[in-house]
Every structure is written in structure tokens, then in C-alpha cells.
Amino acid sequence: MSLRDALEGKEYIIRQINTNDDELNSFLFSLGCYSGEPITVVSRKKAGCVVSIKDGRYNIDNQLATAILV
């Protein structure tokens, strides 16, 4: 299931990041978004969602949310 389909307020474990962009993978890794890490969808917006990773909250768009598998 992708992060786009995840329920608000429920903690998930990231299983995989499906992107072929090495720069994007590096950026996500710097945020703490990689396989095995917990992630929570805090709220949904029209163009994406707000997620909590470690001690930070980030706004991600729907395309990126689809690439993060939980």
C-alpha cells in the first residue's frame, strides 16, 4: 500500500521507496524517510499530505506519497 492510501493518525513502517531518482532518494534519506522507519500521516491536503518522520513534519505531494510504500 502506498502512503497516499494510508489512514490519518496511524503509524506505518516504510517498506520501500519506489523512485528511480537518486537525488530524491538522497533527499528522503536525509529526512529520515527510508525502509524500516516509522511514518505517520498527520493530515491530508488536496495536493498531498503532511507526514511525521522522526521528530519532523513534512508536506509531501501526492506523486511522492504514491512512491512511498508502507
C-alpha atoms as a PDB file:
ATOM      1  CA  MET A   1       0.000   0.000   0.000  1.00  0.00           C
ATOM      2  CA  SER A   2       1.282   3.462  -0.784  1.00  0.00           C
ATOM      3  CA  LEU A   3       1.390   6.310   1.708  1.00  0.00           C
ATOM      4  CA  ARG A   4      -1.318   8.034  -0.336  1.00  0.00           C
ATOM      5  CA  ASP A   5      -3.767   5.310   0.780  1.00  0.00           C
ATOM      6  CA  ALA A   6      -2.664   5.360   4.440  1.00  0.00           C
ATOM      7  CA  LEU A   7      -5.044   6.403   7.203  1.00  0.00           C
ATOM      8  CA  GLU A   8      -4.514   9.633   9.119  1.00  0.00           C
ATOM      9  CA  GLY A   9      -3.063   9.238  12.603  1.00  0.00           C
ATOM     10  CA  LYS A  10      -1.908   5.630  12.163  1.00  0.00           C
ATOM     11  CA  GLU A  11       1.797   4.815  12.322  1.00  0.00           C
ATOM     12  CA  TYR A  12       3.210   2.732   9.468  1.00  0.00           C
ATOM     13  CA  ILE A  13       6.642   1.283   8.748  1.00  0.00           C
ATOM     14  CA  ILE A  14       8.185   2.270   5.415  1.00  0.00           C
ATOM     15  CA  ARG A  15       8.741  -0.880   3.357  1.00  0.00           C
ATOM     16  CA  GLN A  16      10.176   0.638   0.195  1.00  0.00           C
ATOM     17  CA  ILE A  17      10.705   3.864  -1.753  1.00  0.00           C
ATOM     18  CA  ASN A  18       9.790   3.409  -5.444  1.00  0.00           C
ATOM     19  CA  THR A  19      11.680   6.110  -7.304  1.00  0.00           C
ATOM     20  CA  ASN A  20      14.455   5.990  -9.889  1.00  0.00           C
ATOM     21  CA  ASP A  21      15.747   9.452  -8.942  1.00  0.00           C
ATOM     22  CA  ASP A  22      18.945   9.146  -6.879  1.00  0.00           C
ATOM     23  CA  GLU A  23      18.778  12.799  -5.836  1.00  0.00           C
ATOM     24  CA  LEU A  24      15.250  12.328  -4.492  1.00  0.00           C
ATOM     25  CA  ASN A  25      16.316   9.159  -2.667  1.00  0.00           C
ATOM     26  CA  SER A  26      19.181  11.066  -1.035  1.00  0.00           C
ATOM     27  CA  PHE A  27      16.852  13.887  -0.021  1.00  0.00           C
ATOM     28  CA  LEU A  28      14.329  11.473   1.531  1.00  0.00           C
ATOM     29  CA  PHE A  29      17.145   9.666   3.348  1.00  0.00           C
ATOM     30  CA  SER A  30      18.316  12.994   4.827  1.00  0.00           C
ATOM     31  CA  LEU A  31      14.783  13.500   6.206  1.00  0.00           C
ATOM     32  CA  GLY A  32      14.856  10.045   7.790  1.00  0.00           C
ATOM     33  CA  CYS A  33      12.488   8.570   5.214  1.00  0.00           C
ATOM     34  CA  TYR A  34      13.885   5.128   4.368  1.00  0.00           C
ATOM     35  CA  SER A  35      12.974   1.445   4.720  1.00  0.00           C
ATOM     36  CA  GLY A  36      12.279   0.336   8.268  1.00  0.00           C
ATOM     37  CA  GLU A  37      11.457   3.793   9.639  1.00  0.00           C
ATOM     38  CA  PRO A  38       8.051   4.643  11.122  1.00  0.00           C
ATOM     39  CA  ILE A  39       5.961   7.289   9.361  1.00  0.00           C
ATOM     40  CA  THR A  40       2.572   8.796  10.250  1.00  0.00           C
ATOM     41  CA  VAL A  41       0.155  10.726   8.046  1.00  0.00           C
ATOM     42  CA  VAL A  42      -0.801  13.720  10.190  1.00  0.00           C
ATOM     43  CA  SER A  43      -3.294  15.293   7.775  1.00  0.00           C
ATOM     44  CA  ARG A  44      -4.368  15.268   4.151  1.00  0.00           C
ATOM     45  CA  LYS A  45      -4.423  18.190   1.750  1.00  0.00           C
ATOM     46  CA  LYS A  46      -5.751  18.405  -1.796  1.00  0.00           C
ATOM     47  CA  ALA A  47      -2.285  18.266  -3.367  1.00  0.00           C
ATOM     48  CA  GLY A  48      -0.640  15.937  -0.839  1.00  0.00           C
ATOM     49  CA  CYS A  49      -0.318  15.205   2.840  1.00  0.00           C
ATOM     50  CA  VAL A  50       1.563  16.185   5.976  1.00  0.00           C
ATOM     51  CA  VAL A  51       3.654  13.370   7.426  1.00  0.00           C
ATOM     52  CA  SER A  52       5.589  12.916  10.635  1.00  0.00           C
ATOM     53  CA  ILE A  53       9.013  11.287  10.306  1.00  0.00           C
ATOM     54  CA  LYS A  54      11.167  11.047  13.427  1.00  0.00           C
ATOM     55  CA  ASP A  55      10.819  14.479  15.112  1.00  0.00           C
ATOM     56  CA  GLY A  56       9.838  16.446  11.996  1.00  0.00           C
ATOM     57  CA  ARG A  57       6.711  17.154   9.988  1.00  0.00           C
ATOM     58  CA  TYR A  58       6.884  17.461   6.223  1.00  0.00           C
ATOM     59  CA  ASN A  59       4.422  18.308   3.474  1.00  0.00           C
ATOM     60  CA  ILE A  60       4.730  15.899   0.550  1.00  0.00           C
ATOM     61  CA  ASP A  61       2.843  15.891  -2.737  1.00  0.00           C
ATOM     62  CA  ASN A  62       0.651  13.060  -3.991  1.00  0.00           C
ATOM     63  CA  GLN A  63       3.250  11.849  -6.503  1.00  0.00           C
ATOM     64  CA  LEU A  64       5.841  11.325  -3.772  1.00  0.00           C
ATOM     65  CA  ALA A  65       3.242   9.815  -1.417  1.00  0.00           C
ATOM     66  CA  THR A  66       2.491   7.232  -4.100  1.00  0.00           C
ATOM     67  CA  ALA A  67       6.203   6.306  -4.294  1.00  0.00           C
ATOM     68  CA  ILE A  68       6.466   5.589  -0.543  1.00  0.00           C
ATOM     69  CA  LEU A  69       5.222   2.087   0.220  1.00  0.00           C
ATOM     70  CA  VAL A  70       4.140   1.190   3.758  1.00  0.00           C
END
